[in-house]
N, C-alpha and C. Protein backbone atom coordinates (compact mmCIF):
# COMPACT_ATOMS: atom_id res chain seq x y z
N MET A 1 112.64 105.12 93.17
CA MET A 1 112.93 105.64 94.49
C MET A 1 114.43 105.62 94.76
N LYS A 2 115.10 104.59 94.26
CA LYS A 2 116.54 104.50 94.50
C LYS A 2 117.27 105.65 93.83
N ASN A 3 116.83 106.04 92.65
CA ASN A 3 117.51 107.12 91.94
C ASN A 3 117.34 108.45 92.67
N VAL A 4 116.19 108.67 93.26
CA VAL A 4 115.97 109.90 94.02
C VAL A 4 116.88 109.91 95.24
N GLU A 5 116.97 108.78 95.93
CA GLU A 5 117.82 108.70 97.11
C GLU A 5 119.29 108.90 96.74
N LYS A 6 119.71 108.35 95.60
CA LYS A 6 121.09 108.54 95.15
C LYS A 6 121.37 110.01 94.86
N ALA A 7 120.42 110.70 94.25
CA ALA A 7 120.59 112.12 93.95
C ALA A 7 120.66 112.94 95.22
N VAL A 8 119.87 112.57 96.22
CA VAL A 8 119.90 113.29 97.50
C VAL A 8 121.25 113.09 98.18
N VAL A 9 121.74 111.86 98.18
CA VAL A 9 123.04 111.58 98.80
C VAL A 9 124.16 112.32 98.08
N ALA A 10 124.05 112.41 96.76
CA ALA A 10 125.06 113.10 95.97
C ALA A 10 124.96 114.62 96.13
N GLY A 11 123.82 115.11 96.61
CA GLY A 11 123.64 116.54 96.80
C GLY A 11 123.17 117.27 95.56
N ASP A 12 122.64 116.56 94.59
CA ASP A 12 122.18 117.15 93.33
C ASP A 12 120.71 117.54 93.46
N LYS A 13 120.47 118.81 93.78
CA LYS A 13 119.11 119.28 94.05
C LYS A 13 118.22 119.22 92.82
N THR A 14 118.70 119.67 91.68
CA THR A 14 117.86 119.72 90.49
C THR A 14 117.48 118.32 90.01
N LYS A 15 118.44 117.42 90.03
CA LYS A 15 118.16 116.05 89.60
C LYS A 15 117.21 115.37 90.58
N ALA A 16 117.38 115.63 91.88
CA ALA A 16 116.52 115.01 92.88
C ALA A 16 115.08 115.48 92.73
N THR A 17 114.87 116.75 92.49
CA THR A 17 113.50 117.25 92.35
C THR A 17 112.86 116.73 91.07
N GLU A 18 113.65 116.64 90.01
CA GLU A 18 113.13 116.12 88.75
C GLU A 18 112.73 114.64 88.88
N LEU A 19 113.61 113.85 89.47
CA LEU A 19 113.33 112.43 89.64
C LEU A 19 112.21 112.19 90.64
N PHE A 20 112.09 113.07 91.64
CA PHE A 20 111.03 112.93 92.63
C PHE A 20 109.66 113.09 91.98
N ALA A 21 109.54 114.03 91.06
CA ALA A 21 108.26 114.24 90.37
C ALA A 21 107.87 113.00 89.57
N LYS A 22 108.86 112.39 88.89
CA LYS A 22 108.58 111.18 88.12
C LYS A 22 108.25 110.02 89.05
N MET A 23 108.95 109.94 90.17
CA MET A 23 108.74 108.86 91.13
C MET A 23 107.33 108.91 91.71
N GLN A 24 106.83 110.10 91.97
CA GLN A 24 105.48 110.23 92.52
C GLN A 24 104.45 109.61 91.59
N ALA A 25 104.56 109.88 90.32
CA ALA A 25 103.61 109.34 89.35
C ALA A 25 103.68 107.82 89.30
N VAL A 26 104.88 107.29 89.33
CA VAL A 26 105.04 105.83 89.27
C VAL A 26 104.47 105.17 90.52
N VAL A 27 104.77 105.73 91.68
CA VAL A 27 104.28 105.16 92.94
C VAL A 27 102.75 105.23 93.00
N ASP A 28 102.18 106.33 92.54
CA ASP A 28 100.72 106.44 92.52
C ASP A 28 100.09 105.39 91.61
N THR A 29 100.69 105.16 90.47
CA THR A 29 100.18 104.16 89.53
C THR A 29 100.25 102.77 90.14
N VAL A 30 101.36 102.46 90.78
CA VAL A 30 101.54 101.15 91.40
C VAL A 30 100.53 100.96 92.53
N ALA A 31 100.27 102.02 93.29
CA ALA A 31 99.30 101.93 94.38
C ALA A 31 97.89 101.75 93.84
N ASP A 32 97.58 102.41 92.74
CA ASP A 32 96.25 102.27 92.15
C ASP A 32 96.02 100.85 91.64
N LYS A 33 97.07 100.21 91.18
CA LYS A 33 96.95 98.84 90.68
C LYS A 33 96.89 97.82 91.81
N GLY A 34 97.20 98.25 93.02
CA GLY A 34 97.12 97.36 94.16
C GLY A 34 98.40 96.61 94.47
N ILE A 35 99.49 96.97 93.81
CA ILE A 35 100.76 96.31 94.07
C ILE A 35 101.33 96.78 95.41
N PHE A 36 101.28 98.07 95.65
CA PHE A 36 101.62 98.66 96.95
C PHE A 36 100.32 99.08 97.61
N HIS A 37 100.28 99.03 98.92
CA HIS A 37 99.14 99.58 99.64
C HIS A 37 99.22 101.10 99.54
N LYS A 38 98.08 101.76 99.52
CA LYS A 38 98.09 103.22 99.35
C LYS A 38 98.80 103.93 100.49
N ASN A 39 98.75 103.37 101.70
CA ASN A 39 99.46 104.00 102.82
C ASN A 39 100.97 103.86 102.67
N LYS A 40 101.44 102.75 102.13
CA LYS A 40 102.87 102.58 101.89
C LYS A 40 103.34 103.57 100.84
N ALA A 41 102.54 103.75 99.81
CA ALA A 41 102.90 104.71 98.77
C ALA A 41 102.99 106.12 99.35
N ALA A 42 102.02 106.48 100.16
CA ALA A 42 102.02 107.81 100.77
C ALA A 42 103.21 107.98 101.71
N ARG A 43 103.54 106.94 102.45
CA ARG A 43 104.67 106.99 103.37
C ARG A 43 105.98 107.17 102.61
N ASP A 44 106.15 106.41 101.54
CA ASP A 44 107.37 106.51 100.74
C ASP A 44 107.52 107.91 100.14
N LYS A 45 106.42 108.43 99.60
CA LYS A 45 106.48 109.77 99.01
C LYS A 45 106.79 110.82 100.06
N SER A 46 106.21 110.68 101.23
CA SER A 46 106.43 111.65 102.29
C SER A 46 107.88 111.64 102.76
N ARG A 47 108.44 110.47 102.93
CA ARG A 47 109.82 110.37 103.41
C ARG A 47 110.80 110.94 102.39
N LEU A 48 110.58 110.65 101.13
CA LEU A 48 111.48 111.19 100.11
C LEU A 48 111.28 112.69 99.93
N SER A 49 110.05 113.14 100.07
CA SER A 49 109.78 114.57 99.97
C SER A 49 110.54 115.33 101.06
N THR A 50 110.56 114.78 102.26
CA THR A 50 111.28 115.40 103.36
C THR A 50 112.77 115.49 103.05
N LYS A 51 113.33 114.44 102.47
CA LYS A 51 114.75 114.44 102.13
C LYS A 51 115.06 115.45 101.04
N VAL A 52 114.19 115.55 100.03
CA VAL A 52 114.41 116.50 98.93
C VAL A 52 114.30 117.92 99.44
N LYS A 53 113.33 118.18 100.31
CA LYS A 53 113.17 119.53 100.86
C LYS A 53 114.35 119.91 101.75
N ALA A 54 114.88 118.94 102.50
CA ALA A 54 116.05 119.21 103.34
C ALA A 54 117.26 119.53 102.46
N LEU A 55 117.38 118.85 101.35
CA LEU A 55 118.47 119.11 100.42
C LEU A 55 118.35 120.53 99.85
N ALA A 56 117.12 120.93 99.52
CA ALA A 56 116.90 122.26 98.99
C ALA A 56 117.23 123.33 100.05
N ALA A 57 116.91 123.03 101.31
CA ALA A 57 117.19 123.98 102.38
C ALA A 57 118.70 124.12 102.62
N GLN A 58 119.43 123.02 102.46
CA GLN A 58 120.88 123.06 102.64
C GLN A 58 121.54 123.87 101.52
N ALA A 59 121.00 123.75 100.31
CA ALA A 59 121.57 124.45 99.17
C ALA A 59 121.33 125.95 99.24
N ALA A 60 120.25 126.34 99.90
CA ALA A 60 119.91 127.76 99.98
C ALA A 60 120.74 128.52 100.97
């Protein structure tokens, strides 16, 4: 998650979208194992998704 946030702050759209896809898989796995609650995982993914989409909108 930190790497995605760093890419968003840096303004690197391609890197942010690539890392976001990997982050989703990791967060889902962690939630399935019970380390994170499923609602926390969904909240984290949603917040980062909003940031990545805003970055894409700024670049366009």
